[in-house]
C-alpha atoms as a PDB file:
ATOM      1  CA  MET A   1      40.670 145.002 369.262  1.00  0.00           C
ATOM      2  CA  ALA A   2      39.534 143.048 366.206  1.00  0.00           C
ATOM      3  CA  ALA A   3      37.562 144.815 363.521  1.00  0.00           C
ATOM      4  CA  ALA A   4      33.810 144.289 363.718  1.00  0.00           C
ATOM      5  CA  LEU A   5      33.984 143.229 360.070  1.00  0.00           C
ATOM      6  CA  GLU A   6      37.128 142.526 358.062  1.00  0.00           C
ATOM      7  CA  VAL A   7      36.848 141.861 354.319  1.00  0.00           C
ATOM      8  CA  ARG A   8      40.027 140.937 352.432  1.00  0.00           C
ATOM      9  CA  GLY A   9      40.381 140.300 348.699  1.00  0.00           C
ATOM     10  CA  LEU A  10      36.811 139.050 348.471  1.00  0.00           C
ATOM     11  CA  CYS A  11      35.853 137.533 345.119  1.00  0.00           C
ATOM     12  CA  LYS A  12      32.735 135.657 344.110  1.00  0.00           C
ATOM     13  CA  SER A  13      32.054 134.176 340.710  1.00  0.00           C
ATOM     14  CA  PHE A  14      29.008 132.401 339.310  1.00  0.00           C
ATOM     15  CA  GLY A  15      30.503 130.636 336.315  1.00  0.00           C
ATOM     16  CA  SER A  16      31.799 133.400 334.045  1.00  0.00           C
ATOM     17  CA  LEU A  17      29.894 136.046 336.020  1.00  0.00           C
ATOM     18  CA  ARG A  18      32.051 137.837 338.612  1.00  0.00           C
ATOM     19  CA  SER A  19      29.861 139.329 341.322  1.00  0.00           C
ATOM     20  CA  LEU A  20      32.661 140.506 343.647  1.00  0.00           C
ATOM     21  CA  ASP A  21      36.127 141.424 342.448  1.00  0.00           C
ATOM     22  CA  GLY A  22      38.797 141.829 345.121  1.00  0.00           C
ATOM     23  CA  VAL A  23      36.819 143.814 347.705  1.00  0.00           C
ATOM     24  CA  ASP A  24      38.765 145.075 350.765  1.00  0.00           C
ATOM     25  CA  PHE A  25      37.479 147.070 353.734  1.00  0.00           C
ATOM     26  CA  ASP A  26      37.140 147.065 357.526  1.00  0.00           C
ATOM     27  CA  VAL A  27      34.295 148.162 359.782  1.00  0.00           C
ATOM     28  CA  LYS A  28      35.466 149.385 363.166  1.00  0.00           C
ATOM     29  CA  PRO A  29      33.787 148.330 366.429  1.00  0.00           C
ATOM     30  CA  GLY A  30      30.966 150.764 367.165  1.00  0.00           C
ATOM     31  CA  GLU A  31      31.056 152.318 363.687  1.00  0.00           C
ATOM     32  CA  PHE A  32      28.005 153.194 361.587  1.00  0.00           C
ATOM     33  CA  PHE A  33      29.123 152.144 358.086  1.00  0.00           C
ATOM     34  CA  GLY A  34      27.340 152.579 354.750  1.00  0.00           C
ATOM     35  CA  LEU A  35      27.636 150.037 351.929  1.00  0.00           C
ATOM     36  CA  LEU A  36      26.181 151.640 348.814  1.00  0.00           C
ATOM     37  CA  GLY A  37      25.954 150.792 345.155  1.00  0.00           C
ATOM     38  CA  PRO A  38      23.515 150.567 342.244  1.00  0.00           C
ATOM     39  CA  ASN A  39      21.435 147.459 341.649  1.00  0.00           C
ATOM     40  CA  GLY A  40      23.728 144.587 340.724  1.00  0.00           C
ATOM     41  CA  ALA A  41      26.770 146.092 342.448  1.00  0.00           C
ATOM     42  CA  GLY A  42      27.329 142.998 344.622  1.00  0.00           C
ATOM     43  CA  LYS A  43      26.041 144.272 347.989  1.00  0.00           C
ATOM     44  CA  THR A  44      23.632 141.406 348.688  1.00  0.00           C
ATOM     45  CA  THR A  45      26.192 138.838 347.529  1.00  0.00           C
ATOM     46  CA  LEU A  46      28.709 140.306 349.968  1.00  0.00           C
ATOM     47  CA  ILE A  47      26.189 140.212 352.821  1.00  0.00           C
ATOM     48  CA  SER A  48      25.302 136.603 351.993  1.00  0.00           C
ATOM     49  CA  ILE A  49      28.974 135.656 352.303  1.00  0.00           C
ATOM     50  CA  VAL A  50      29.325 137.513 355.604  1.00  0.00           C
ATOM     51  CA  ALA A  51      26.225 135.724 356.938  1.00  0.00           C
ATOM     52  CA  GLY A  52      27.515 132.323 355.829  1.00  0.00           C
ATOM     53  CA  LEU A  53      24.759 131.842 353.260  1.00  0.00           C
ATOM     54  CA  ALA A  54      27.205 131.811 350.331  1.00  0.00           C
ATOM     55  CA  ARG A  55      30.839 130.836 350.000  1.00  0.00           C
ATOM     56  CA  ALA A  56      33.426 133.178 348.508  1.00  0.00           C
ATOM     57  CA  THR A  57      35.421 132.066 345.492  1.00  0.00           C
ATOM     58  CA  SER A  58      38.502 133.572 347.137  1.00  0.00           C
ATOM     59  CA  GLY A  59      39.402 136.032 349.867  1.00  0.00           C
ATOM     60  CA  SER A  60      38.341 136.059 353.507  1.00  0.00           C
ATOM     61  CA  VAL A  61      35.754 137.580 355.833  1.00  0.00           C
ATOM     62  CA  LYS A  62      36.022 137.873 359.606  1.00  0.00           C
ATOM     63  CA  VAL A  63      33.346 138.982 362.067  1.00  0.00           C
ATOM     64  CA  MET A  64      34.802 140.212 365.367  1.00  0.00           C
ATOM     65  CA  GLY A  65      37.972 138.287 364.495  1.00  0.00           C
ATOM     66  CA  TYR A  66      36.189 135.016 363.655  1.00  0.00           C
ATOM     67  CA  ASP A  67      36.590 133.650 360.139  1.00  0.00           C
ATOM     68  CA  VAL A  68      33.161 133.008 358.616  1.00  0.00           C
ATOM     69  CA  ARG A  69      34.418 129.886 356.824  1.00  0.00           C
ATOM     70  CA  SER A  70      36.559 128.158 359.471  1.00  0.00           C
ATOM     71  CA  GLN A  71      34.701 129.483 362.559  1.00  0.00           C
ATOM     72  CA  PRO A  72      31.098 129.823 361.333  1.00  0.00           C
ATOM     73  CA  SER A  73      29.343 129.327 364.687  1.00  0.00           C
ATOM     74  CA  GLN A  74      31.430 131.966 366.486  1.00  0.00           C
ATOM     75  CA  ALA A  75      31.110 134.428 363.608  1.00  0.00           C
ATOM     76  CA  ARG A  76      27.338 133.960 363.336  1.00  0.00           C
ATOM     77  CA  ALA A  77      26.887 134.489 367.073  1.00  0.00           C
ATOM     78  CA  CYS A  78      28.449 137.956 366.695  1.00  0.00           C
ATOM     79  CA  LEU A  79      26.238 138.928 363.772  1.00  0.00           C
ATOM     80  CA  GLY A  80      22.640 140.062 363.327  1.00  0.00           C
ATOM     81  CA  VAL A  81      21.280 140.459 359.786  1.00  0.00           C
ATOM     82  CA  VAL A  82      18.026 142.134 358.759  1.00  0.00           C
ATOM     83  CA  PRO A  83      17.393 140.814 355.214  1.00  0.00           C
ATOM     84  CA  GLN A  84      15.537 142.511 352.381  1.00  0.00           C
ATOM     85  CA  GLU A  85      13.016 139.692 352.020  1.00  0.00           C
ATOM     86  CA  LEU A  86      10.152 139.141 354.458  1.00  0.00           C
ATOM     87  CA  VAL A  87      11.076 135.621 355.576  1.00  0.00           C
ATOM     88  CA  PHE A  88       9.075 134.264 358.522  1.00  0.00           C
ATOM     89  CA  ASP A  89       7.604 131.099 360.014  1.00  0.00           C
ATOM     90  CA  PRO A  90       3.801 131.275 359.637  1.00  0.00           C
ATOM     91  CA  PHE A  91       3.080 128.904 362.534  1.00  0.00           C
ATOM     92  CA  PHE A  92       4.306 131.038 365.446  1.00  0.00           C
ATOM     93  CA  THR A  93       3.321 134.201 367.234  1.00  0.00           C
ATOM     94  CA  VAL A  94       5.679 137.180 367.413  1.00  0.00           C
ATOM     95  CA  ARG A  95       6.914 136.274 370.918  1.00  0.00           C
ATOM     96  CA  GLU A  96       7.357 132.606 369.990  1.00  0.00           C
ATOM     97  CA  THR A  97       9.363 133.646 366.933  1.00  0.00           C
ATOM     98  CA  LEU A  98      11.752 135.642 369.107  1.00  0.00           C
ATOM     99  CA  GLN A  99      11.979 132.859 371.698  1.00  0.00           C
ATOM    100  CA  PHE A 100      12.866 130.283 369.036  1.00  0.00           C
ATOM    101  CA  GLN A 101      15.431 132.669 367.537  1.00  0.00           C
ATOM    102  CA  SER A 102      16.951 133.066 370.999  1.00  0.00           C
ATOM    103  CA  GLY A 103      17.212 129.291 371.304  1.00  0.00           C
ATOM    104  CA  TYR A 104      19.396 129.117 368.190  1.00  0.00           C
ATOM    105  CA  PHE A 105      22.003 131.063 370.164  1.00  0.00           C
ATOM    106  CA  GLY A 106      21.567 129.117 373.395  1.00  0.00           C
ATOM    107  CA  LEU A 107      19.586 131.883 375.119  1.00  0.00           C
ATOM    108  CA  THR A 108      16.764 130.710 377.374  1.00  0.00           C
ATOM    109  CA  ARG A 109      16.360 133.464 379.966  1.00  0.00           C
ATOM    110  CA  ASN A 110      16.229 136.652 377.947  1.00  0.00           C
ATOM    111  CA  ASP A 111      12.539 137.503 378.319  1.00  0.00           C
ATOM    112  CA  ALA A 112      13.414 140.963 379.651  1.00  0.00           C
ATOM    113  CA  TRP A 113      15.354 141.745 376.465  1.00  0.00           C
ATOM    114  CA  ILE A 114      12.566 140.339 374.293  1.00  0.00           C
ATOM    115  CA  ASP A 115      10.105 142.589 376.123  1.00  0.00           C
ATOM    116  CA  GLU A 116      12.396 145.551 375.493  1.00  0.00           C
ATOM    117  CA  LEU A 117      12.650 144.728 371.782  1.00  0.00           C
ATOM    118  CA  LEU A 118       8.879 144.471 371.526  1.00  0.00           C
ATOM    119  CA  HIS A 119       8.506 147.809 373.285  1.00  0.00           C
ATOM    120  CA  GLU A 120      11.167 149.655 371.272  1.00  0.00           C
ATOM    121  CA  LEU A 121       9.750 148.413 367.968  1.00  0.00           C
ATOM    122  CA  ASN A 122       6.109 149.038 368.957  1.00  0.00           C
ATOM    123  CA  LEU A 123       5.300 145.318 368.839  1.00  0.00           C
ATOM    124  CA  THR A 124       4.070 144.798 372.410  1.00  0.00           C
ATOM    125  CA  GLU A 125       0.419 144.680 371.394  1.00  0.00           C
ATOM    126  CA  LYS A 126       1.269 142.155 368.653  1.00  0.00           C
ATOM    127  CA  ALA A 127       3.300 139.819 370.893  1.00  0.00           C
ATOM    128  CA  HIS A 128       0.681 137.027 370.821  1.00  0.00           C
ATOM    129  CA  VAL A 129      -0.461 137.562 367.229  1.00  0.00           C
ATOM    130  CA  ASN A 130       0.418 134.928 364.637  1.00  0.00           C
ATOM    131  CA  MET A 131       3.019 136.082 362.109  1.00  0.00           C
ATOM    132  CA  ARG A 132       0.619 135.379 359.217  1.00  0.00           C
ATOM    133  CA  ALA A 133      -1.797 138.013 360.542  1.00  0.00           C
ATOM    134  CA  LEU A 134       0.748 140.850 360.564  1.00  0.00           C
ATOM    135  CA  SER A 135       1.041 143.581 357.962  1.00  0.00           C
ATOM    136  CA  GLY A 136       4.209 143.849 355.904  1.00  0.00           C
ATOM    137  CA  GLY A 137       5.521 146.679 358.076  1.00  0.00           C
ATOM    138  CA  MET A 138       4.918 144.700 361.270  1.00  0.00           C
ATOM    139  CA  LYS A 139       6.653 141.646 359.818  1.00  0.00           C
ATOM    140  CA  ARG A 140       9.677 143.807 359.053  1.00  0.00           C
ATOM    141  CA  ARG A 141       9.758 144.989 362.666  1.00  0.00           C
ATOM    142  CA  VAL A 142       9.847 141.347 363.761  1.00  0.00           C
ATOM    143  CA  LEU A 143      12.782 140.709 361.402  1.00  0.00           C
ATOM    144  CA  VAL A 144      14.647 143.553 363.091  1.00  0.00           C
ATOM    145  CA  ALA A 145      13.860 142.093 366.525  1.00  0.00           C
ATOM    146  CA  GLN A 146      15.036 138.637 365.391  1.00  0.00           C
ATOM    147  CA  ALA A 147      18.364 140.071 364.245  1.00  0.00           C
ATOM    148  CA  LEU A 148      18.879 141.783 367.609  1.00  0.00           C
ATOM    149  CA  VAL A 149      17.587 139.108 369.975  1.00  0.00           C
ATOM    150  CA  HIS A 150      21.116 137.884 370.844  1.00  0.00           C
ATOM    151  CA  LYS A 151      22.572 141.418 371.141  1.00  0.00           C
ATOM    152  CA  PRO A 152      25.145 140.982 368.346  1.00  0.00           C
ATOM    153  CA  PRO A 153      28.125 143.379 368.258  1.00  0.00           C
ATOM    154  CA  LEU A 154      27.707 143.675 364.460  1.00  0.00           C
ATOM    155  CA  ILE A 155      24.322 144.487 362.891  1.00  0.00           C
ATOM    156  CA  ILE A 156      23.783 144.392 359.116  1.00  0.00           C
ATOM    157  CA  LEU A 157      20.711 146.144 357.736  1.00  0.00           C
ATOM    158  CA  ASP A 158      20.025 145.237 354.106  1.00  0.00           C
ATOM    159  CA  GLU A 159      17.537 147.809 352.761  1.00  0.00           C
ATOM    160  CA  PRO A 160      15.656 147.854 356.096  1.00  0.00           C
ATOM    161  CA  THR A 161      13.272 150.700 355.186  1.00  0.00           C
ATOM    162  CA  ALA A 162      12.424 149.697 351.616  1.00  0.00           C
ATOM    163  CA  GLY A 163       8.690 150.088 351.149  1.00  0.00           C
ATOM    164  CA  VAL A 164       7.923 150.919 354.780  1.00  0.00           C
ATOM    165  CA  ASP A 165       6.070 153.894 356.211  1.00  0.00           C
ATOM    166  CA  VAL A 166       7.524 156.960 357.888  1.00  0.00           C
ATOM    167  CA  GLU A 167       6.585 155.749 361.374  1.00  0.00           C
ATOM    168  CA  LEU A 168       8.621 152.562 361.046  1.00  0.00           C
ATOM    169  CA  ARG A 169      11.595 154.464 359.661  1.00  0.00           C
ATOM    170  CA  GLN A 170      11.598 156.785 362.651  1.00  0.00           C
ATOM    171  CA  ILE A 171      11.152 153.915 365.134  1.00  0.00           C
ATOM    172  CA  LEU A 172      13.889 151.855 363.507  1.00  0.00           C
ATOM    173  CA  TRP A 173      16.478 154.620 363.243  1.00  0.00           C
ATOM    174  CA  ARG A 174      15.856 155.820 366.779  1.00  0.00           C
ATOM    175  CA  PHE A 175      16.458 152.323 368.151  1.00  0.00           C
ATOM    176  CA  ILE A 176      19.412 151.496 365.886  1.00  0.00           C
ATOM    177  CA  ALA A 177      21.045 154.841 366.733  1.00  0.00           C
ATOM    178  CA  ARG A 178      20.737 153.951 370.411  1.00  0.00           C
ATOM    179  CA  LEU A 179      22.364 150.544 369.885  1.00  0.00           C
ATOM    180  CA  ASN A 180      25.146 152.206 367.894  1.00  0.00           C
ATOM    181  CA  ARG A 181      25.785 154.648 370.753  1.00  0.00           C
ATOM    182  CA  GLU A 182      26.006 151.646 373.084  1.00  0.00           C
ATOM    183  CA  GLY A 183      28.828 150.193 370.974  1.00  0.00           C
ATOM    184  CA  HIS A 184      27.186 148.009 368.329  1.00  0.00           C
ATOM    185  CA  ALA A 185      28.699 148.344 364.850  1.00  0.00           C
ATOM    186  CA  VAL A 186      26.119 148.844 362.083  1.00  0.00           C
ATOM    187  CA  VAL A 187      26.464 148.191 358.350  1.00  0.00           C
ATOM    188  CA  LEU A 188      23.682 149.744 356.280  1.00  0.00           C
ATOM    189  CA  THR A 189      22.751 149.197 352.653  1.00  0.00           C
ATOM    190  CA  THR A 190      20.058 151.521 351.355  1.00  0.00           C
ATOM    191  CA  HIS A 191      18.821 153.281 348.248  1.00  0.00           C
ATOM    192  CA  TYR A 192      17.614 156.149 350.453  1.00  0.00           C
ATOM    193  CA  LEU A 193      20.875 158.060 350.322  1.00  0.00           C
ATOM    194  CA  GLU A 194      19.652 160.760 352.690  1.00  0.00           C
ATOM    195  CA  GLU A 195      19.551 158.046 355.379  1.00  0.00           C
ATOM    196  CA  ALA A 196      23.151 157.066 354.705  1.00  0.00           C
ATOM    197  CA  GLU A 197      24.257 160.700 354.682  1.00  0.00           C
ATOM    198  CA  ALA A 198      22.595 161.376 358.045  1.00  0.00           C
ATOM    199  CA  LEU A 199      23.641 158.169 359.806  1.00  0.00           C
ATOM    200  CA  CYS A 200      26.897 156.798 358.420  1.00  0.00           C
ATOM    201  CA  GLN A 201      30.364 157.853 359.532  1.00  0.00           C
ATOM    202  CA  ARG A 202      32.094 156.147 356.585  1.00  0.00           C
ATOM    203  CA  ILE A 203      30.764 154.933 353.266  1.00  0.00           C
ATOM    204  CA  ALA A 204      31.959 152.319 350.794  1.00  0.00           C
ATOM    205  CA  ILE A 205      30.621 152.464 347.231  1.00  0.00           C
ATOM    206  CA  LEU A 206      30.519 149.328 345.092  1.00  0.00           C
ATOM    207  CA  ARG A 207      30.049 149.160 341.363  1.00  0.00           C
ATOM    208  CA  GLN A 208      30.038 145.946 339.333  1.00  0.00           C
ATOM    209  CA  GLY A 209      31.622 144.047 342.197  1.00  0.00           C
ATOM    210  CA  ARG A 210      34.503 146.479 342.770  1.00  0.00           C
ATOM    211  CA  LEU A 211      35.039 148.947 345.582  1.00  0.00           C
ATOM    212  CA  ILE A 212      35.341 152.294 343.806  1.00  0.00           C
ATOM    213  CA  ARG A 213      35.414 154.611 346.829  1.00  0.00           C
ATOM    214  CA  LEU A 214      35.778 154.348 350.612  1.00  0.00           C
ATOM    215  CA  ASP A 215      35.888 157.489 352.721  1.00  0.00           C
ATOM    216  CA  THR A 216      34.197 159.412 355.486  1.00  0.00           C
ATOM    217  CA  THR A 217      30.824 160.887 354.634  1.00  0.00           C
ATOM    218  CA  GLU A 218      32.250 164.354 355.269  1.00  0.00           C
ATOM    219  CA  ALA A 219      35.134 163.805 352.856  1.00  0.00           C
ATOM    220  CA  LEU A 220      32.844 162.426 350.162  1.00  0.00           C
ATOM    221  CA  LEU A 221      30.601 165.487 350.356  1.00  0.00           C
ATOM    222  CA  ALA A 222      33.612 167.836 350.333  1.00  0.00           C
ATOM    223  CA  SER A 223      34.963 166.129 347.187  1.00  0.00           C
ATOM    224  CA  HIS A 224      31.909 167.236 345.227  1.00  0.00           C
ATOM    225  CA  SER A 225      31.939 170.999 345.653  1.00  0.00           C
ATOM    226  CA  ARG A 226      29.768 171.966 342.675  1.00  0.00           C
ATOM    227  CA  GLN A 227      26.483 173.571 343.692  1.00  0.00           C
ATOM    228  CA  THR A 228      23.368 173.519 341.511  1.00  0.00           C
ATOM    229  CA  LEU A 229      21.577 176.720 340.526  1.00  0.00           C
ATOM    230  CA  THR A 230      17.916 176.416 339.569  1.00  0.00           C
ATOM    231  CA  VAL A 231      16.192 179.398 337.962  1.00  0.00           C
ATOM    232  CA  ARG A 232      12.473 179.491 337.187  1.00  0.00           C
ATOM    233  CA  THR A 233      11.665 181.839 334.300  1.00  0.00           C
ATOM    234  CA  ASP A 234       8.472 183.248 332.814  1.00  0.00           C
ATOM    235  CA  ARG A 235       9.151 181.585 329.476  1.00  0.00           C
ATOM    236  CA  PRO A 236      11.636 179.082 327.975  1.00  0.00           C
ATOM    237  CA  MET A 237      15.277 180.096 327.816  1.00  0.00           C
ATOM    238  CA  PRO A 238      16.772 180.781 324.356  1.00  0.00           C
ATOM    239  CA  ALA A 239      18.009 177.652 322.597  1.00  0.00           C
ATOM    240  CA  GLN A 240      21.674 178.732 322.727  1.00  0.00           C
ATOM    241  CA  TRP A 241      21.625 178.376 326.524  1.00  0.00           C
ATOM    242  CA  ALA A 242      21.889 174.623 326.114  1.00  0.00           C
ATOM    243  CA  ASP A 243      25.575 175.159 325.202  1.00  0.00           C
ATOM    244  CA  TRP A 244      26.404 177.260 328.282  1.00  0.00           C
ATOM    245  CA  PRO A 245      29.164 175.430 330.291  1.00  0.00           C
ATOM    246  CA  GLY A 246      27.728 173.445 333.173  1.00  0.00           C
ATOM    247  CA  THR A 247      24.130 173.473 331.954  1.00  0.00           C
ATOM    248  CA  LEU A 248      22.136 170.477 333.228  1.00  0.00           C
ATOM    249  CA  PRO A 249      19.150 168.865 331.497  1.00  0.00           C
ATOM    250  CA  SER A 250      15.675 169.782 332.712  1.00  0.00           C
ATOM    251  CA  ALA A 251      12.276 168.399 331.715  1.00  0.00           C
ATOM    252  CA  ASP A 252      10.697 171.810 332.282  1.00  0.00           C
ATOM    253  CA  PRO A 253      11.528 174.339 329.510  1.00  0.00           C
ATOM    254  CA  CYS A 254      10.951 177.184 331.989  1.00  0.00           C
ATOM    255  CA  GLU A 255      13.401 175.736 334.494  1.00  0.00           C
ATOM    256  CA  PHE A 256      17.103 176.386 333.980  1.00  0.00           C
ATOM    257  CA  LEU A 257      19.687 174.263 335.827  1.00  0.00           C
ATOM    258  CA  ILE A 258      23.419 174.834 335.904  1.00  0.00           C
ATOM    259  CA  GLY A 259      26.304 173.569 337.997  1.00  0.00           C
ATOM    260  CA  LEU A 260      28.367 176.238 339.773  1.00  0.00           C
ATOM    261  CA  SER A 261      32.013 175.422 340.357  1.00  0.00           C
ATOM    262  CA  ASP A 262      32.375 178.267 342.879  1.00  0.00           C
ATOM    263  CA  PRO A 263      30.231 181.130 344.261  1.00  0.00           C
ATOM    264  CA  ASN A 264      31.947 183.693 342.005  1.00  0.00           C
ATOM    265  CA  SER A 265      30.453 182.027 338.928  1.00  0.00           C
ATOM    266  CA  LEU A 266      26.910 182.914 340.019  1.00  0.00           C
ATOM    267  CA  GLU A 267      26.793 186.591 338.989  1.00  0.00           C
ATOM    268  CA  PRO A 268      27.903 186.053 335.333  1.00  0.00           C
ATOM    269  CA  VAL A 269      25.137 183.448 334.938  1.00  0.00           C
ATOM    270  CA  LEU A 270      22.467 185.745 336.394  1.00  0.00           C
ATOM    271  CA  ALA A 271      23.683 188.646 334.262  1.00  0.00           C
ATOM    272  CA  ARG A 272      23.477 186.513 331.131  1.00  0.00           C
ATOM    273  CA  ILE A 273      19.928 185.431 332.009  1.00  0.00           C
ATOM    274  CA  ARG A 274      18.868 189.065 332.450  1.00  0.00           C
ATOM    275  CA  GLU A 275      20.411 189.930 329.090  1.00  0.00           C
ATOM    276  CA  SER A 276      18.335 187.162 327.485  1.00  0.00           C
ATOM    277  CA  GLY A 277      15.180 189.171 328.182  1.00  0.00           C
ATOM    278  CA  VAL A 278      13.433 186.504 330.282  1.00  0.00           C
ATOM    279  CA  ARG A 279      12.114 187.306 333.727  1.00  0.00           C
ATOM    280  CA  MET A 280      13.330 185.275 336.713  1.00  0.00           C
ATOM    281  CA  LEU A 281      10.470 184.067 338.910  1.00  0.00           C
ATOM    282  CA  ASP A 282      12.462 182.054 341.461  1.00  0.00           C
ATOM    283  CA  ILE A 283      16.096 181.218 342.250  1.00  0.00           C
ATOM    284  CA  ASN A 284      17.412 178.317 344.303  1.00  0.00           C
ATOM    285  CA  ILE A 285      20.977 177.207 345.038  1.00  0.00           C
ATOM    286  CA  ARG A 286      21.354 173.651 346.325  1.00  0.00           C
ATOM    287  CA  LYS A 287      24.482 172.314 347.974  1.00  0.00           C
ATOM    288  CA  PRO A 288      25.670 168.882 346.864  1.00  0.00           C
ATOM    289  CA  ASP A 289      24.355 165.899 348.818  1.00  0.00           C
ATOM    290  CA  LEU A 290      25.358 162.251 348.925  1.00  0.00           C
ATOM    291  CA  GLU A 291      23.151 161.455 345.931  1.00  0.00           C
ATOM    292  CA  ASP A 292      25.146 163.926 343.808  1.00  0.00           C
ATOM    293  CA  VAL A 293      28.414 162.323 344.931  1.00  0.00           C
ATOM    294  CA  PHE A 294      27.082 158.811 344.390  1.00  0.00           C
ATOM    295  CA  VAL A 295      25.817 159.488 340.858  1.00  0.00           C
ATOM    296  CA  SER A 296      29.032 161.289 339.933  1.00  0.00           C
ATOM    297  CA  LEU A 297      31.270 158.458 341.164  1.00  0.00           C
ATOM    298  CA  VAL A 298      29.209 155.649 339.669  1.00  0.00           C
ATOM    299  CA  GLN A 299      28.866 157.329 336.276  1.00  0.00           C
ATOM    300  CA  ALA A 300      32.554 158.264 336.134  1.00  0.00           C
ATOM    301  CA  ASP A 301      33.637 154.748 337.066  1.00  0.00           C
ATOM    302  CA  GLY A 302      31.253 153.267 334.526  1.00  0.00           C
ATOM    303  CA  HIS A 303      33.327 154.701 331.662  1.00  0.00           C
ATOM    304  CA  ASN A 304      36.285 152.450 332.484  1.00  0.00           C
ATOM    305  CA  THR A 305      34.615 149.368 333.959  1.00  0.00           C
ATOM    306  CA  THR A 306      33.714 146.245 332.033  1.00  0.00           C
ATOM    307  CA  GLY A 307      32.001 143.059 333.033  1.00  0.00           C
ATOM    308  CA  PRO A 308      28.696 142.411 334.766  1.00  0.00           C
ATOM    309  CA  ALA A 309      27.971 141.987 338.471  1.00  0.00           C
ATOM    310  CA  ALA A 310      25.225 140.497 340.593  1.00  0.00           C
END
């Protein structure tokens, strides 16, 4: 079976600016895949190429085996994209918007599926409301419905929950998780790394147009074993504590943070704090999460990477 998304040697340049630099990865059918990176990493450029909105300088992209350059119609029919921007036609109602979107894919008798989309995204009561009269959150729900109206095997969500409320996040993830269980592949870009950690089976991390890491979420978390100890004290720690190995910066002088390489390193730290004469008010040990891994990888890679990205 063809990969849901196949990216090979993808490069994109804007004059002297290289936005993508030899990116390679596959997304398996039915996989929930995370595409992460800081601002300017090249994520949106990559999605634009996959969607046929931009042309790669070199390399290839296939959606369900169809080349996006030589077979654009077939590739687009297999793809649903939820963009970052709220792009909509102000002259139609919600239902009309979905009916017109269906027509682009030759679908004329899918009212039952449109009704289901409206129900799942809590849009039923807004079905006959003009798009101009909707709130930003409601417009974003319509964008999700538009992307899914032709039941594409590959769904790309580009920052789908940016600036939306908790209710929409819960509605969206419940529905997308259902579609994923039914076999739809999902590619997610997000700055909410807790979402990626909870949902994605594999994660690719881009920085300045290059793929710097691709692995399972479990393996990424296991690669960053250092836990963080936070100690609240009754007064600031002595100045010499700033030189203790593993000490992390803190804006609160009465809060002491330190990275623990293994559990056995905890007791010497606590003993040293007691010897300092301060009183411990609270202790917390936090396991590493995807944000810790992400920051560590991006900062480490930044020391040996040159050139901008978009």
